[in-house]
């Protein structure tokens, strides 16, 4: 499909720089493409239970954001060091990470980078790495001197929360972001970006869902920095997705299949949990235990196997995520929904408001 079909104009003032307080006070646009008379309706996130039924199951992504933005000095053959910025995006082993580097063109295989230069580095010493491979678009593979938990400790000591570029361009990361850019149920460390639809949930909202008999289940997809990359191709067939590591355990798969068998709905919070569930589902709709890297790219025409309802934030124009929601609820419906959201003051992107989408029949 032509990528320009997924373009739209977004006023700069619609980009949220801080989350709503409390989190579940954010606005929620309910989008039902199967209801011609009331396809769009305005609510609050705290109203979510009224759109669900006893026996439904909500699926959350419990990945935890790590401080994956690293600043360092590149060293090469005794030449003067050059400052570089690196964003880790996918772990490739106990001491290896794939990353995006700036300036990427000047970095070569074999370069040594010392991170945390001039900062309080890890007690084990400076965090050093060698550029093991260099790919396209500034992507590199780093082999760190440290490994396993020691490497994790060092990254936590010298790293920064990698705010989305549309926020980082307007203000620096601060201490509030350490809490704001993390879901209340984050557990499995490894994400570079937050599963932002989950940022809206609070203990009181969880209690309300529990009280009405909605199940809660957790899967893990470590969101990578590739989620922020624009689609530069003119046609979706020419776009290359970056892979992300995910897990669906056997117990969760069995419980979700039981929900479907008794007529309940699977409600995914975030495009990350949807992409993982759809990766784990077979053509018959049954969800299987699953682990590995997924690069699933969902565009209009995709046949959804398992997910019935999606809660998600508002996404960038020409992005793979806007393509995904257009596949889920219909391109015309989503263009109308985004026009309504812009005109009525919804806040966009990671810290913005949410939407609840029903799958188009």
Protein backbone atom coordinates (compact mmCIF):
# COMPACT_ATOMS: atom_id res chain seq x y z
CA UNK A 1 0.00 0.00 0.00
CA UNK A 2 1.04 3.61 -0.53
CA UNK A 3 2.52 5.06 2.64
CA UNK A 4 1.04 8.49 1.97
CA UNK A 5 -2.42 7.00 2.64
CA UNK A 6 -1.41 7.01 6.31
CA UNK A 7 -0.31 10.65 6.45
CA UNK A 8 -2.06 13.44 8.34
CA UNK A 9 -1.25 16.88 9.72
CA UNK A 10 -0.77 17.15 13.47
CA UNK A 11 -0.47 20.56 15.14
CA UNK A 12 2.62 20.76 17.33
CA UNK A 13 0.57 21.74 20.39
CA UNK A 14 -1.20 18.36 20.34
CA UNK A 15 2.00 16.54 21.38
CA UNK A 16 1.89 15.74 25.11
CA UNK A 17 5.07 16.48 27.07
CA UNK A 18 3.80 15.13 30.40
CA UNK A 19 1.21 12.46 31.24
CA UNK A 20 -2.20 13.21 32.68
CA UNK A 21 -2.49 13.27 36.48
CA UNK A 22 -3.88 11.00 37.75
CA UNK A 23 -3.03 8.62 34.95
CA UNK A 24 -6.55 7.28 34.44
CA UNK A 25 -7.95 10.82 34.00
CA UNK A 26 -6.61 10.86 30.43
CA UNK A 27 -9.22 11.08 27.68
CA UNK A 28 -10.34 7.92 25.89
CA UNK A 29 -11.78 7.97 22.38
CA UNK A 30 -13.92 4.88 21.83
CA UNK A 31 -13.93 3.81 18.17
CA UNK A 32 -16.48 1.26 16.97
CA UNK A 33 -16.30 0.81 13.18
CA UNK A 34 -19.28 -1.56 13.33
CA UNK A 35 -21.61 1.10 14.73
CA UNK A 36 -22.51 3.45 11.89
CA UNK A 37 -24.60 5.72 14.13
CA UNK A 38 -22.05 6.18 16.94
CA UNK A 39 -18.64 5.16 15.65
CA UNK A 40 -16.85 7.73 17.85
CA UNK A 41 -17.53 8.67 21.46
CA UNK A 42 -15.53 10.65 24.03
CA UNK A 43 -14.78 9.29 27.50
CA UNK A 44 -12.06 8.99 30.14
CA UNK A 45 -9.70 6.09 30.72
CA UNK A 46 -11.34 5.47 34.09
CA UNK A 47 -14.53 4.63 32.11
CA UNK A 48 -12.85 1.59 30.52
CA UNK A 49 -14.72 -1.02 32.66
CA UNK A 50 -18.05 0.12 31.21
CA UNK A 51 -16.92 -1.03 27.75
CA UNK A 52 -15.85 -4.48 28.87
CA UNK A 53 -17.79 -7.56 29.95
CA UNK A 54 -17.33 -10.13 32.72
CA UNK A 55 -15.24 -12.92 31.27
CA UNK A 56 -13.19 -10.68 28.99
CA UNK A 57 -9.42 -10.79 29.39
CA UNK A 58 -7.05 -7.83 29.24
CA UNK A 59 -3.51 -8.53 28.06
CA UNK A 60 -0.72 -6.24 29.30
CA UNK A 61 2.92 -6.02 28.28
CA UNK A 62 4.96 -6.17 31.50
CA UNK A 63 8.27 -5.11 29.97
CA UNK A 64 10.29 -2.60 31.98
CA UNK A 65 12.12 0.34 30.42
CA UNK A 66 15.85 0.45 31.05
CA UNK A 67 18.05 3.59 30.86
CA UNK A 68 19.21 2.62 27.39
CA UNK A 69 20.45 6.03 26.21
CA UNK A 70 24.25 6.07 26.58
CA UNK A 71 26.68 8.91 25.97
CA UNK A 72 30.28 8.02 25.27
CA UNK A 73 33.62 8.76 23.66
CA UNK A 74 34.77 6.82 20.60
CA UNK A 75 38.45 5.88 20.47
CA UNK A 76 40.36 4.73 17.40
CA UNK A 77 44.09 4.11 16.92
CA UNK A 78 45.23 6.87 19.23
CA UNK A 79 43.17 9.53 17.41
CA UNK A 80 41.33 12.21 19.46
CA UNK A 81 38.12 10.87 20.90
CA UNK A 82 34.76 11.76 19.41
CA UNK A 83 31.55 12.07 21.36
CA UNK A 84 28.82 9.60 20.34
CA UNK A 85 25.28 8.91 21.49
CA UNK A 86 23.99 5.35 21.49
CA UNK A 87 20.48 3.99 22.04
CA UNK A 88 20.38 0.28 22.84
CA UNK A 89 17.41 -1.40 21.19
CA UNK A 90 17.72 -5.20 21.36
CA UNK A 91 19.86 -7.51 23.44
CA UNK A 92 21.81 -9.99 21.31
CA UNK A 93 23.49 -11.95 24.11
CA UNK A 94 24.85 -11.65 27.67
CA UNK A 95 27.37 -9.00 26.58
CA UNK A 96 26.02 -7.86 23.22
CA UNK A 97 23.45 -5.23 22.31
CA UNK A 98 22.18 -3.97 18.98
CA UNK A 99 21.96 -0.19 19.04
CA UNK A 100 21.45 2.97 17.01
CA UNK A 101 24.40 5.36 17.06
CA UNK A 102 24.79 9.07 16.30
CA UNK A 103 26.76 10.17 14.42
CA UNK A 104 26.52 6.77 12.80
CA UNK A 105 28.44 7.39 9.58
CA UNK A 106 31.76 7.99 11.33
CA UNK A 107 31.66 4.86 13.44
CA UNK A 108 33.62 1.89 12.13
CA UNK A 109 33.85 -1.77 13.07
CA UNK A 110 36.54 -2.18 15.70
CA UNK A 111 36.02 1.24 17.29
CA UNK A 112 36.12 1.26 21.07
CA UNK A 113 33.59 3.37 22.97
CA UNK A 114 33.87 4.38 26.62
CA UNK A 115 30.47 5.22 28.11
CA UNK A 116 29.82 7.26 31.21
CA UNK A 117 32.77 9.51 30.43
CA UNK A 118 32.90 12.22 33.08
CA UNK A 119 30.06 10.67 35.09
CA UNK A 120 29.83 8.41 38.10
CA UNK A 121 30.43 5.16 36.29
CA UNK A 122 29.74 1.71 37.65
CA UNK A 123 31.83 0.66 40.63
CA UNK A 124 33.23 -2.13 38.45
CA UNK A 125 34.91 0.52 36.27
CA UNK A 126 34.17 2.30 33.04
CA UNK A 127 31.54 0.83 30.74
CA UNK A 128 33.46 0.01 27.58
CA UNK A 129 32.38 -1.67 24.35
CA UNK A 130 33.73 -2.52 20.92
CA UNK A 131 31.77 -1.98 17.71
CA UNK A 132 31.49 -5.56 16.50
CA UNK A 133 29.26 -4.98 13.46
CA UNK A 134 27.89 -2.02 11.54
CA UNK A 135 24.61 -2.14 9.67
CA UNK A 136 22.42 0.35 7.84
CA UNK A 137 20.81 3.51 9.17
CA UNK A 138 23.26 3.96 12.05
CA UNK A 139 22.62 0.50 13.51
CA UNK A 140 25.58 -1.19 15.19
CA UNK A 141 26.27 -4.25 17.35
CA UNK A 142 28.22 -3.53 20.55
CA UNK A 143 30.28 -6.12 22.43
CA UNK A 144 30.66 -4.88 26.01
CA UNK A 145 33.53 -5.78 28.30
CA UNK A 146 31.00 -6.61 31.01
CA UNK A 147 28.37 -9.33 30.79
CA UNK A 148 25.07 -10.39 32.34
CA UNK A 149 24.04 -8.73 35.64
CA UNK A 150 27.29 -6.75 35.80
CA UNK A 151 26.50 -5.18 32.44
CA UNK A 152 22.93 -4.45 33.50
CA UNK A 153 24.23 -2.71 36.63
CA UNK A 154 26.63 -0.58 34.60
CA UNK A 155 23.97 0.44 32.08
CA UNK A 156 21.67 1.43 34.94
CA UNK A 157 24.46 3.52 36.46
CA UNK A 158 25.43 5.55 33.40
CA UNK A 159 22.36 5.36 31.14
CA UNK A 160 19.44 7.73 30.69
CA UNK A 161 15.78 7.08 29.94
CA UNK A 162 15.50 7.33 26.13
CA UNK A 163 12.54 9.66 25.78
CA UNK A 164 10.77 9.54 22.41
CA UNK A 165 12.38 11.98 19.97
CA UNK A 166 9.25 14.16 19.74
CA UNK A 167 9.52 14.79 23.50
CA UNK A 168 13.31 14.89 23.75
CA UNK A 169 13.38 17.61 21.07
CA UNK A 170 11.31 19.87 23.33
CA UNK A 171 12.76 19.23 26.79
CA UNK A 172 15.47 17.14 28.51
CA UNK A 173 14.78 13.97 30.43
CA UNK A 174 14.38 14.54 34.15
CA UNK A 175 13.83 12.56 37.31
CA UNK A 176 10.04 12.56 36.85
CA UNK A 177 10.43 10.55 33.66
CA UNK A 178 11.98 7.65 35.59
CA UNK A 179 8.51 7.08 37.09
CA UNK A 180 6.26 8.62 34.44
CA UNK A 181 7.72 6.55 31.59
CA UNK A 182 7.05 3.23 33.32
CA UNK A 183 3.84 1.25 33.80
CA UNK A 184 2.81 0.40 37.35
CA UNK A 185 3.14 -3.30 36.49
CA UNK A 186 6.53 -3.16 34.73
CA UNK A 187 8.51 -6.23 35.73
CA UNK A 188 10.76 -7.69 33.01
CA UNK A 189 13.70 -5.39 32.26
CA UNK A 190 14.72 -4.94 28.64
CA UNK A 191 12.59 -2.31 26.88
CA UNK A 192 13.96 0.83 25.32
CA UNK A 193 10.51 2.40 24.98
CA UNK A 194 7.47 2.07 27.22
CA UNK A 195 4.31 0.25 26.11
CA UNK A 196 2.59 3.58 26.46
CA UNK A 197 -1.08 2.56 26.48
CA UNK A 198 -0.28 0.87 29.79
CA UNK A 199 0.84 4.17 31.32
CA UNK A 200 -2.84 5.06 31.87
CA UNK A 201 -3.51 2.30 34.40
CA UNK A 202 -3.74 2.86 38.15
CA UNK A 203 -4.38 0.57 41.13
CA UNK A 204 -7.95 1.87 41.37
CA UNK A 205 -8.60 1.07 37.71
CA UNK A 206 -7.22 -2.42 38.24
CA UNK A 207 -9.55 -2.83 41.22
CA UNK A 208 -12.56 -1.76 39.14
CA UNK A 209 -11.69 -4.27 36.42
CA UNK A 210 -11.21 -7.04 38.98
CA UNK A 211 -14.56 -6.24 40.59
CA UNK A 212 -16.46 -6.75 37.35
CA UNK A 213 -14.75 -10.06 36.53
CA UNK A 214 -12.32 -9.00 33.82
CA UNK A 215 -9.21 -11.18 33.79
CA UNK A 216 -5.70 -9.70 33.73
CA UNK A 217 -2.86 -11.46 31.94
CA UNK A 218 0.71 -10.46 31.21
CA UNK A 219 3.04 -11.10 28.29
CA UNK A 220 6.46 -9.61 27.59
CA UNK A 221 7.63 -7.79 24.48
CA UNK A 222 10.78 -5.72 24.90
CA UNK A 223 9.98 -2.60 22.89
CA UNK A 224 12.89 -1.39 20.77
CA UNK A 225 13.91 2.04 19.51
CA UNK A 226 12.80 0.96 16.06
CA UNK A 227 9.25 1.77 17.12
CA UNK A 228 10.10 5.48 16.63
CA UNK A 229 11.69 5.11 13.20
CA UNK A 230 9.72 6.70 10.36
CA UNK A 231 8.63 4.73 7.32
CA UNK A 232 10.87 6.14 4.60
CA UNK A 233 9.65 3.86 1.80
CA UNK A 234 6.88 4.97 -0.54
CA UNK A 235 5.19 1.56 -0.36
CA UNK A 236 4.61 -0.57 2.73
CA UNK A 237 6.07 -3.61 0.95
CA UNK A 238 9.46 -1.92 0.91
CA UNK A 239 9.59 -1.15 4.64
CA UNK A 240 11.85 -3.23 6.90
CA UNK A 241 10.61 -3.82 10.44
CA UNK A 242 13.08 -4.08 13.31
CA UNK A 243 12.74 -7.19 15.43
CA UNK A 244 11.78 -7.24 19.11
CA UNK A 245 12.14 -10.05 21.65
CA UNK A 246 8.97 -11.41 23.28
CA UNK A 247 7.53 -14.22 25.39
CA UNK A 248 4.10 -15.81 25.93
CA UNK A 249 4.22 -18.58 28.52
CA UNK A 250 2.20 -21.79 28.36
CA UNK A 251 -0.12 -20.90 31.26
CA UNK A 252 -1.04 -17.52 29.78
CA UNK A 253 -1.68 -19.06 26.37
CA UNK A 254 -3.95 -21.71 27.88
CA UNK A 255 -5.93 -19.16 29.90
CA UNK A 256 -6.44 -16.87 26.91
CA UNK A 257 -7.61 -19.80 24.78
CA UNK A 258 -10.09 -20.67 27.54
CA UNK A 259 -11.42 -17.10 27.47
CA UNK A 260 -12.03 -17.34 23.73
CA UNK A 261 -13.62 -20.79 24.06
CA UNK A 262 -16.28 -19.51 26.48
CA UNK A 263 -17.08 -16.46 24.37
CA UNK A 264 -14.97 -13.85 26.11
CA UNK A 265 -12.93 -11.25 24.27
CA UNK A 266 -9.19 -10.65 24.25
CA UNK A 267 -8.47 -6.97 24.88
CA UNK A 268 -4.87 -5.95 24.25
CA UNK A 269 -3.44 -2.91 25.99
CA UNK A 270 -1.00 -1.50 23.47
CA UNK A 271 0.12 -2.41 20.00
CA UNK A 272 3.06 -4.29 21.51
CA UNK A 273 0.88 -6.85 23.30
CA UNK A 274 -1.30 -7.14 20.18
CA UNK A 275 1.70 -7.79 17.94
CA UNK A 276 2.96 -10.44 20.35
CA UNK A 277 -0.40 -12.22 20.67
CA UNK A 278 -0.87 -12.20 16.91
CA UNK A 279 2.67 -13.59 16.50
CA UNK A 280 1.83 -16.41 18.91
CA UNK A 281 -1.58 -17.23 17.38
CA UNK A 282 -2.09 -19.88 14.73
CA UNK A 283 -4.35 -19.56 11.71
CA UNK A 284 -7.09 -21.25 13.76
CA UNK A 285 -6.91 -18.45 16.35
CA UNK A 286 -5.39 -20.65 19.06
CA UNK A 287 -2.61 -18.96 21.01
CA UNK A 288 0.51 -21.07 21.53
CA UNK A 289 3.38 -20.66 23.98
CA UNK A 290 5.87 -18.49 22.15
CA UNK A 291 9.31 -16.93 22.54
CA UNK A 292 11.72 -15.28 20.17
CA UNK A 293 12.03 -12.26 17.92
CA UNK A 294 9.03 -10.89 16.08
CA UNK A 295 9.07 -8.45 13.22
CA UNK A 296 5.37 -8.78 12.39
CA UNK A 297 4.21 -5.88 10.22
CA UNK A 298 0.43 -5.38 10.29
CA UNK A 299 -1.17 -3.31 7.52
CA UNK A 300 -4.72 -3.15 6.13
CA UNK A 301 -5.65 -6.51 4.68
CA UNK A 302 -4.16 -8.45 7.59
CA UNK A 303 -6.54 -11.04 9.06
CA UNK A 304 -6.49 -10.82 12.83
CA UNK A 305 -6.35 -14.22 14.49
CA UNK A 306 -7.03 -13.65 18.18
CA UNK A 307 -7.39 -10.03 19.33
CA UNK A 308 -10.88 -8.50 19.57
CA UNK A 309 -10.33 -5.07 21.16
CA UNK A 310 -7.29 -2.78 21.31
CA UNK A 311 -6.51 0.06 23.69
CA UNK A 312 -3.76 2.28 22.35
CA UNK A 313 -2.49 5.86 22.26
CA UNK A 314 -2.49 8.14 19.22
CA UNK A 315 0.36 7.48 16.82
CA UNK A 316 2.63 9.34 14.41
CA UNK A 317 1.60 9.97 10.81
CA UNK A 318 3.07 7.54 8.27
CA UNK A 319 4.07 5.21 11.13
CA UNK A 320 3.78 1.43 11.28
CA UNK A 321 1.56 1.85 14.35
CA UNK A 322 -0.97 4.03 12.53
CA UNK A 323 -0.95 1.38 9.81
CA UNK A 324 -1.67 -1.27 12.46
CA UNK A 325 -4.67 0.55 13.96
CA UNK A 326 -5.96 1.21 10.43
CA UNK A 327 -5.78 -2.53 9.76
CA UNK A 328 -7.65 -3.19 13.00
CA UNK A 329 -10.52 -0.69 12.75
CA UNK A 330 -10.37 0.36 9.10
CA UNK A 331 -8.37 3.13 7.42
CA UNK A 332 -11.36 5.41 6.79
CA UNK A 333 -12.54 4.97 10.37
CA UNK A 334 -9.14 5.76 11.83
CA UNK A 335 -8.63 8.81 9.63
CA UNK A 336 -12.00 10.09 10.87
CA UNK A 337 -11.06 9.24 14.47
CA UNK A 338 -7.74 11.12 14.25
CA UNK A 339 -9.43 14.13 12.64
CA UNK A 340 -11.93 14.17 15.53
CA UNK A 341 -9.13 13.79 18.09
CA UNK A 342 -7.13 16.68 16.65
CA UNK A 343 -10.15 18.96 16.37
CA UNK A 344 -11.34 18.25 19.93
CA UNK A 345 -7.99 18.61 21.68
CA UNK A 346 -6.84 15.06 22.38
CA UNK A 347 -3.18 14.81 23.40
CA UNK A 348 -0.99 12.65 21.16
CA UNK A 349 1.86 10.16 21.44
CA UNK A 350 3.57 8.48 24.40
CA UNK A 351 2.32 10.77 27.19
CA UNK A 352 -0.96 11.52 25.47
CA UNK A 353 -4.54 10.30 25.64
CA UNK A 354 -5.84 6.88 24.65
CA UNK A 355 -8.29 5.22 22.32
CA UNK A 356 -10.28 2.01 22.57
CA UNK A 357 -10.73 0.31 19.22
CA UNK A 358 -13.13 -2.48 18.34
CA UNK A 359 -12.00 -4.76 15.55
CA UNK A 360 -13.80 -4.14 12.27
CA UNK A 361 -16.04 -7.03 11.25
